[in-house]
């Protein structure tokens, strides 16, 4: 339940940002990219060491998954972002129960895999 609320709130808070699906050091990640007067910043949301993590960094910074802040225990995260903005998040909790959440992304997001 905490993870569902977290994803919903992050998407709402960053509706003005670019929201993408990418690989982050080999891990599937949701990446929120925002450009301000101070520069361009990325928020990576991913699972690392059985925890949902968040990392906020300048877009050009050398970022690694170990640098992120743990949000909630979680075993796995899979996601798909359609061209029409439907984000499907499937995560597996520590009890190995899978949960799926569908969110509509209002920004002009792109699906990126690198």
Protein backbone atom coordinates (compact mmCIF):
# COMPACT_ATOMS: atom_id res chain seq x y z
CA UNK A 1 0.00 0.00 0.00
CA UNK A 2 2.84 2.39 0.81
CA UNK A 3 4.49 1.71 -2.54
CA UNK A 4 1.23 2.36 -4.45
CA UNK A 5 0.81 5.70 -2.69
CA UNK A 6 4.45 6.59 -3.25
CA UNK A 7 4.24 6.01 -7.03
CA UNK A 8 0.96 7.90 -7.37
CA UNK A 9 2.28 10.88 -5.44
CA UNK A 10 5.60 10.98 -7.33
CA UNK A 11 3.80 10.99 -10.68
CA UNK A 12 1.44 13.76 -9.53
CA UNK A 13 4.26 15.87 -8.05
CA UNK A 14 6.31 15.58 -11.24
CA UNK A 15 3.57 15.97 -13.81
CA UNK A 16 5.56 18.82 -15.39
CA UNK A 17 8.71 16.69 -15.68
CA UNK A 18 9.65 14.20 -18.36
CA UNK A 19 8.86 10.70 -17.10
CA UNK A 20 10.72 7.82 -18.70
CA UNK A 21 11.39 4.13 -18.31
CA UNK A 22 15.14 3.48 -18.45
CA UNK A 23 17.85 1.19 -17.20
CA UNK A 24 19.90 2.59 -14.34
CA UNK A 25 23.17 0.69 -14.01
CA UNK A 26 21.41 -2.44 -15.28
CA UNK A 27 18.29 -2.00 -13.11
CA UNK A 28 14.84 -1.07 -14.42
CA UNK A 29 14.06 2.46 -13.27
CA UNK A 30 11.46 5.15 -13.54
CA UNK A 31 13.30 8.39 -14.29
CA UNK A 32 11.80 11.84 -13.73
CA UNK A 33 13.78 14.58 -15.49
CA UNK A 34 13.20 18.23 -14.69
CA UNK A 35 14.91 21.32 -16.08
CA UNK A 36 14.99 24.47 -13.95
CA UNK A 37 16.97 27.71 -14.05
CA UNK A 38 19.58 25.99 -11.87
CA UNK A 39 20.04 23.04 -14.26
CA UNK A 40 18.64 19.67 -15.23
CA UNK A 41 17.96 17.09 -12.52
CA UNK A 42 16.92 13.46 -12.50
CA UNK A 43 15.05 11.42 -9.92
CA UNK A 44 15.67 7.70 -10.30
CA UNK A 45 13.16 5.27 -8.74
CA UNK A 46 14.30 1.65 -8.71
CA UNK A 47 14.73 -1.49 -6.61
CA UNK A 48 18.17 -2.13 -5.14
CA UNK A 49 19.11 -4.65 -2.44
CA UNK A 50 15.43 -5.54 -1.83
CA UNK A 51 14.40 -1.92 -1.30
CA UNK A 52 12.52 0.60 -3.39
CA UNK A 53 14.97 3.48 -3.66
CA UNK A 54 14.97 7.07 -4.84
CA UNK A 55 17.97 9.07 -5.98
CA UNK A 56 17.84 12.78 -6.89
CA UNK A 57 20.91 14.04 -8.79
CA UNK A 58 22.06 16.57 -11.34
CA UNK A 59 21.59 14.94 -14.75
CA UNK A 60 25.33 14.92 -15.51
CA UNK A 61 26.35 13.53 -12.11
CA UNK A 62 27.96 10.11 -11.77
CA UNK A 63 25.03 8.28 -10.17
CA UNK A 64 25.03 4.74 -8.82
CA UNK A 65 22.16 2.70 -7.34
CA UNK A 66 23.95 2.40 -4.00
CA UNK A 67 23.63 6.19 -3.58
CA UNK A 68 19.82 6.15 -3.35
CA UNK A 69 17.62 6.53 -0.30
CA UNK A 70 15.59 3.48 0.73
CA UNK A 71 11.83 4.13 0.66
CA UNK A 72 10.21 0.77 1.47
CA UNK A 73 11.25 -2.91 1.35
CA UNK A 74 10.53 -4.45 -2.08
CA UNK A 75 11.84 -7.45 -3.99
CA UNK A 76 11.25 -6.46 -7.62
CA UNK A 77 9.89 -3.74 -9.87
CA UNK A 78 8.77 -4.08 -13.49
CA UNK A 79 7.31 -1.26 -15.52
CA UNK A 80 6.01 -0.41 -18.93
CA UNK A 81 5.28 3.05 -20.29
CA UNK A 82 3.07 3.07 -23.37
CA UNK A 83 3.30 5.67 -26.12
CA UNK A 84 -0.08 6.96 -24.91
CA UNK A 85 1.17 7.61 -21.38
CA UNK A 86 -0.14 4.59 -19.51
CA UNK A 87 2.41 3.53 -16.91
CA UNK A 88 2.01 -0.04 -15.70
CA UNK A 89 3.97 -0.77 -12.52
CA UNK A 90 4.21 -4.29 -11.17
CA UNK A 91 6.11 -4.71 -7.95
CA UNK A 92 6.75 -7.67 -5.72
CA UNK A 93 6.75 -7.08 -1.98
CA UNK A 94 8.92 -8.88 0.57
CA UNK A 95 6.20 -11.53 1.02
CA UNK A 96 6.63 -12.28 -2.72
CA UNK A 97 3.14 -10.97 -3.50
CA UNK A 98 2.88 -9.05 -6.78
CA UNK A 99 0.88 -5.83 -7.05
CA UNK A 100 0.06 -3.95 -10.23
CA UNK A 101 -0.71 -0.25 -10.42
CA UNK A 102 -1.84 1.66 -13.54
CA UNK A 103 -1.11 5.37 -13.72
CA UNK A 104 -1.74 7.81 -16.53
CA UNK A 105 1.21 10.10 -17.17
CA UNK A 106 0.10 13.52 -18.42
CA UNK A 107 3.51 14.70 -19.62
CA UNK A 108 5.04 14.20 -23.03
CA UNK A 109 7.07 11.24 -21.82
CA UNK A 110 9.21 8.96 -23.87
CA UNK A 111 10.02 5.31 -23.44
CA UNK A 112 13.78 4.98 -23.25
CA UNK A 113 15.93 1.96 -22.68
CA UNK A 114 19.68 2.46 -22.51
